[in-house]
Amino acid sequence: MFFIVGAQRSGTTYLYNVLNEHPEIEMAIPLKPEPKFFIKDNEYKKGKEYYYNKYFNMKENKVFGEKSTSYFEYKKAAKRIKNTFPEAKILISLRNPVDRAISNYFFTKNNGLEFRSINEVFINEKEIPKKYVEKLNASVSPFDYIERSKYSKFLDIYYKIFDIFRIKILIMEKFLGNQEIISSIYRFLDVRDDFVPSCLNKRINYSKKENVDYEVYKKLCNLFYDDIILTEEKYNLNLRIWRDRIDKYMDEK
């Protein structure tokens, strides 16, 4: 059993599709809305058999996987996954935090939930009325654009609960359309690695974006740079692709 636990707007739907196409893998259904079984108290108490029967067809000789990006932010989810599936493998997809935050904003706006302008959100920090947030009754706040891009604190949750060899961190900018990396994911999951998914070069779950002022980029670059360095050093990652883009953008302006 394996889980794509996040982060939101970081290519997780793409991962779902390239894994679901593999003949040896069965992903939980539906894709939308995500199962979120391990953060739903009423469902979780029904047990593993209920989970399998509700979300899988249970075909033989399959490796089973689930994608629920809310899990990334819940220690409770990580603990429950570990308790239910002690040998579970964890896939964590990360994206340049500046781009992730902006994509998260436009995704929320395109879904009719966000009425503030991008400058009101990131520059003026205009608050959403608390009663509006509570009324949504979402598993995680759809407006938590900045904190959700500070990856180190969420990675800490999973690295404290799971053995390091059961976690694979993926960088969205590197794995999109990259058969070599997709094959490495297949190997991590112990399925044949020579399979080439038909969706390898397709854009999936793309959110329409508008022009973004330089001041927004500048503020977000300054907000996330230290956490990028911390994440890189603490988890032995090469995030130069993010740092170079931020540095180049700042230099050009």
Protein backbone atom coordinates (compact mmCIF):
# COMPACT_ATOMS: atom_id res chain seq x y z
CA MET A 1 0.00 0.00 0.00
CA PHE A 2 1.25 3.49 -0.79
CA PHE A 3 -0.06 7.02 -0.36
CA ILE A 4 0.39 10.27 -2.28
CA VAL A 5 -0.05 12.63 0.65
CA GLY A 6 0.64 16.02 -0.96
CA ALA A 7 1.46 18.79 -1.36
CA GLN A 8 -1.55 20.45 -2.95
CA ARG A 9 -1.04 21.96 -6.43
CA SER A 10 2.23 20.09 -6.83
CA GLY A 11 1.51 17.58 -9.58
CA THR A 12 -0.25 15.02 -7.41
CA THR A 13 -3.08 14.49 -9.90
CA TYR A 14 -0.48 13.90 -12.61
CA LEU A 15 1.18 11.33 -10.34
CA TYR A 16 -2.16 9.66 -9.71
CA ASN A 17 -2.67 9.22 -13.43
CA VAL A 18 0.81 7.91 -14.30
CA LEU A 19 0.51 5.42 -11.44
CA ASN A 20 -3.09 4.43 -12.14
CA GLU A 21 -2.19 3.58 -15.74
CA HIS A 22 0.40 1.05 -14.59
CA PRO A 23 -0.99 -2.50 -15.04
CA GLU A 24 0.25 -3.56 -11.60
CA ILE A 25 -1.23 -0.62 -9.68
CA GLU A 26 -4.77 0.16 -8.60
CA MET A 27 -5.47 3.65 -7.29
CA ALA A 28 -8.32 4.47 -4.92
CA ILE A 29 -11.47 5.83 -6.55
CA PRO A 30 -12.86 8.33 -7.00
CA LEU A 31 -10.03 10.70 -7.79
CA LYS A 32 -12.33 13.63 -6.96
CA PRO A 33 -13.34 14.06 -4.26
CA GLU A 34 -10.32 12.43 -2.67
CA PRO A 35 -11.02 9.65 -0.14
CA LYS A 36 -9.47 11.44 2.88
CA PHE A 37 -10.31 8.28 4.81
CA PHE A 38 -7.60 8.76 7.43
CA ILE A 39 -8.86 12.18 8.51
CA LYS A 40 -12.54 11.25 8.52
CA ASP A 41 -13.16 10.01 12.05
CA ASN A 42 -16.51 8.40 11.25
CA GLU A 43 -15.05 6.47 8.34
CA TYR A 44 -11.72 5.56 9.89
CA LYS A 45 -13.35 3.79 12.83
CA LYS A 46 -15.05 1.42 10.37
CA GLY A 47 -11.70 -0.22 9.71
CA LYS A 48 -9.46 -1.51 6.95
CA GLU A 49 -11.98 -3.86 5.32
CA TYR A 50 -14.47 -1.01 4.92
CA TYR A 51 -11.68 1.13 3.42
CA TYR A 52 -10.73 -1.49 0.85
CA ASN A 53 -14.33 -2.25 -0.11
CA LYS A 54 -15.31 1.40 -0.54
CA TYR A 55 -12.33 2.72 -2.46
CA PHE A 56 -10.91 -0.22 -4.41
CA ASN A 57 -12.07 -2.93 -6.81
CA MET A 58 -9.64 -5.26 -5.05
CA LYS A 59 -8.19 -6.88 -8.16
CA GLU A 60 -5.63 -9.57 -7.47
CA ASN A 61 -1.90 -9.02 -7.87
CA LYS A 62 -2.21 -5.28 -7.59
CA VAL A 63 -0.32 -2.68 -5.58
CA PHE A 64 -2.88 -0.35 -4.03
CA GLY A 65 -2.46 3.41 -3.70
CA GLU A 66 -4.40 6.44 -2.56
CA LYS A 67 -4.03 10.17 -3.22
CA SER A 68 -5.34 12.56 -0.57
CA THR A 69 -3.33 15.77 -0.39
CA SER A 70 -4.91 16.85 2.91
CA TYR A 71 -2.89 14.11 4.63
CA PHE A 72 0.27 16.21 4.27
CA GLU A 73 -0.99 18.63 6.91
CA TYR A 74 -2.35 16.13 9.43
CA LYS A 75 -0.20 14.32 11.97
CA LYS A 76 -3.32 12.30 12.74
CA ALA A 77 -3.43 11.04 9.16
CA ALA A 78 0.23 10.00 9.21
CA LYS A 79 -0.22 8.12 12.48
CA ARG A 80 -3.38 6.37 11.28
CA ILE A 81 -1.75 5.30 8.02
CA LYS A 82 1.19 3.90 9.96
CA ASN A 83 -1.09 2.07 12.41
CA THR A 84 -3.25 0.61 9.64
CA PHE A 85 -0.51 -0.11 7.11
CA PRO A 86 2.83 -0.38 8.96
CA GLU A 87 4.66 -1.15 5.70
CA ALA A 88 3.07 1.70 3.72
CA LYS A 89 5.18 3.77 1.35
CA ILE A 90 4.76 7.53 1.16
CA LEU A 91 5.06 9.74 -1.92
CA ILE A 92 5.44 13.48 -1.28
CA SER A 93 5.39 15.83 -4.24
CA LEU A 94 6.81 19.33 -3.79
CA ARG A 95 6.77 22.35 -6.07
CA ASN A 96 8.52 25.71 -6.03
CA PRO A 97 6.65 27.21 -3.04
CA VAL A 98 6.13 30.56 -4.77
CA ASP A 99 4.46 28.92 -7.76
CA ARG A 100 2.54 26.53 -5.51
CA ALA A 101 1.07 29.37 -3.44
CA ILE A 102 0.03 31.32 -6.54
CA SER A 103 -1.44 28.22 -8.18
CA ASN A 104 -3.33 27.46 -4.96
CA TYR A 105 -4.78 30.98 -5.01
CA PHE A 106 -5.98 30.72 -8.62
CA PHE A 107 -7.33 27.21 -8.09
CA THR A 108 -9.42 28.47 -5.17
CA LYS A 109 -10.54 31.50 -7.16
CA ASN A 110 -11.46 29.43 -10.24
CA ASN A 111 -13.60 27.23 -8.01
CA GLY A 112 -15.62 30.24 -6.86
CA LEU A 113 -14.35 30.32 -3.28
CA GLU A 114 -11.91 33.23 -3.39
CA PHE A 115 -13.28 36.76 -3.92
CA ARG A 116 -10.16 38.75 -2.97
CA SER A 117 -7.65 39.91 -5.57
CA ILE A 118 -4.21 38.36 -5.50
CA ASN A 119 -2.76 41.64 -4.22
CA GLU A 120 -5.35 41.79 -1.44
CA VAL A 121 -4.31 38.29 -0.39
CA PHE A 122 -0.52 38.48 -0.56
CA ILE A 123 0.28 42.21 -0.28
CA ASN A 124 -2.53 43.73 1.76
CA GLU A 125 -3.27 40.49 3.63
CA LYS A 126 -6.99 41.15 3.62
CA GLU A 127 -8.65 38.53 5.79
CA ILE A 128 -11.48 36.22 4.83
CA PRO A 129 -14.41 36.53 7.28
CA LYS A 130 -14.08 33.72 9.83
CA LYS A 131 -17.74 32.77 9.48
CA TYR A 132 -17.20 32.24 5.74
CA VAL A 133 -14.28 29.87 6.35
CA GLU A 134 -16.25 27.92 8.96
CA LYS A 135 -19.24 27.63 6.64
CA LEU A 136 -17.11 25.84 4.01
CA ASN A 137 -16.44 22.95 6.42
CA ALA A 138 -13.37 21.91 4.40
CA SER A 139 -10.82 19.35 5.61
CA VAL A 140 -8.13 22.02 5.27
CA SER A 141 -8.52 25.73 4.64
CA PRO A 142 -8.57 26.48 0.90
CA PHE A 143 -7.09 29.90 1.72
CA ASP A 144 -3.96 28.80 3.58
CA TYR A 145 -1.75 29.59 0.61
CA ILE A 146 1.40 30.67 2.43
CA GLU A 147 1.66 28.22 5.33
CA ARG A 148 0.93 25.31 3.02
CA SER A 149 4.06 26.20 1.03
CA LYS A 150 6.35 26.00 4.06
CA TYR A 151 7.23 22.37 3.54
CA SER A 152 9.74 21.64 6.29
CA LYS A 153 7.17 21.49 9.09
CA PHE A 154 4.98 19.04 7.18
CA LEU A 155 7.91 16.85 6.15
CA ASP A 156 8.84 16.66 9.83
CA ILE A 157 5.54 14.92 10.54
CA TYR A 158 6.19 12.08 8.12
CA TYR A 159 9.88 11.65 8.83
CA LYS A 160 9.16 11.25 12.53
CA ILE A 161 6.53 8.56 11.92
CA PHE A 162 7.84 6.61 8.89
CA ASP A 163 11.22 5.07 8.20
CA ILE A 164 13.22 7.17 5.79
CA PHE A 165 13.44 4.38 3.20
CA ARG A 166 9.62 4.31 2.99
CA ILE A 167 9.40 7.97 1.93
CA LYS A 168 10.13 9.30 -1.54
CA ILE A 169 10.18 13.05 -2.10
CA LEU A 170 9.48 14.17 -5.65
CA ILE A 171 10.04 17.59 -7.18
CA MET A 172 7.28 18.53 -9.62
CA GLU A 173 9.51 20.60 -11.90
CA LYS A 174 11.73 17.55 -12.38
CA PHE A 175 9.27 14.67 -12.77
CA LEU A 176 6.68 16.13 -15.17
CA GLY A 177 7.21 14.36 -18.49
CA ASN A 178 10.37 12.66 -17.20
CA GLN A 179 10.21 8.92 -17.87
CA GLU A 180 13.41 8.28 -15.94
CA ILE A 181 11.95 9.69 -12.73
CA ILE A 182 8.58 8.04 -13.31
CA SER A 183 10.42 4.73 -13.68
CA SER A 184 12.21 5.38 -10.38
CA ILE A 185 8.80 5.79 -8.73
CA TYR A 186 7.70 2.46 -10.18
CA ARG A 187 10.84 0.83 -8.77
CA PHE A 188 10.18 2.41 -5.37
CA LEU A 189 6.74 0.78 -5.44
CA ASP A 190 8.17 -2.58 -6.56
CA VAL A 191 6.40 -2.73 -9.91
CA ARG A 192 7.98 -3.10 -13.35
CA ASP A 193 9.79 0.11 -14.25
CA ASP A 194 9.70 -0.11 -18.07
CA PHE A 195 6.04 0.87 -18.38
CA VAL A 196 5.46 4.17 -20.26
CA PRO A 197 2.16 5.86 -19.32
CA SER A 198 0.16 7.48 -22.12
CA CYS A 199 -0.30 10.63 -20.01
CA LEU A 200 3.46 11.13 -19.54
CA ASN A 201 3.53 14.46 -21.41
CA LYS A 202 -0.01 15.66 -20.70
CA ARG A 203 -0.91 18.65 -18.58
CA ILE A 204 -3.35 17.53 -15.91
CA ASN A 205 -5.49 19.57 -13.50
CA TYR A 206 -4.10 22.84 -14.82
CA SER A 207 -5.50 26.00 -13.23
CA LYS A 208 -6.04 29.13 -15.31
CA LYS A 209 -3.83 31.99 -14.14
CA GLU A 210 -3.83 35.76 -14.59
CA ASN A 211 -0.99 38.26 -14.54
CA VAL A 212 0.78 38.54 -11.20
CA ASP A 213 2.47 41.74 -10.05
CA TYR A 214 6.19 41.67 -9.34
CA GLU A 215 5.51 42.79 -5.75
CA VAL A 216 3.61 39.55 -5.14
CA TYR A 217 6.51 37.45 -6.43
CA LYS A 218 9.01 39.51 -4.44
CA LYS A 219 7.13 39.09 -1.18
CA LEU A 220 6.64 35.35 -1.67
CA CYS A 221 10.28 34.84 -2.66
CA ASN A 222 11.37 36.52 0.56
CA LEU A 223 8.84 34.55 2.60
CA PHE A 224 9.88 31.12 1.33
CA TYR A 225 13.61 31.36 0.66
CA ASP A 226 14.74 30.42 4.18
CA ASP A 227 12.38 27.44 4.29
CA ILE A 228 13.71 26.26 0.93
CA ILE A 229 17.24 26.27 2.37
CA LEU A 230 16.06 24.51 5.53
CA THR A 231 14.18 21.85 3.57
CA GLU A 232 17.14 21.32 1.27
CA GLU A 233 19.63 20.87 4.09
CA LYS A 234 17.46 18.92 6.52
CA TYR A 235 16.23 16.36 3.99
CA ASN A 236 19.30 16.20 1.75
CA LEU A 237 17.47 17.54 -1.30
CA ASN A 238 18.77 19.43 -4.30
CA LEU A 239 16.39 22.36 -4.71
CA ARG A 240 18.68 24.45 -6.87
CA ILE A 241 16.01 24.51 -9.57
CA TRP A 242 13.87 26.59 -7.17
CA ARG A 243 16.67 28.79 -5.87
CA ASP A 244 18.00 29.57 -9.33
CA ARG A 245 14.58 30.60 -10.58
CA ILE A 246 13.98 32.87 -7.60
CA ASP A 247 17.46 34.40 -7.83
CA LYS A 248 17.17 34.99 -11.56
CA TYR A 249 13.74 36.55 -11.26
CA MET A 250 14.89 38.88 -8.49
CA ASP A 251 18.04 39.88 -10.40
CA GLU A 252 16.10 40.68 -13.58
CA LYS A 253 13.87 43.10 -11.70
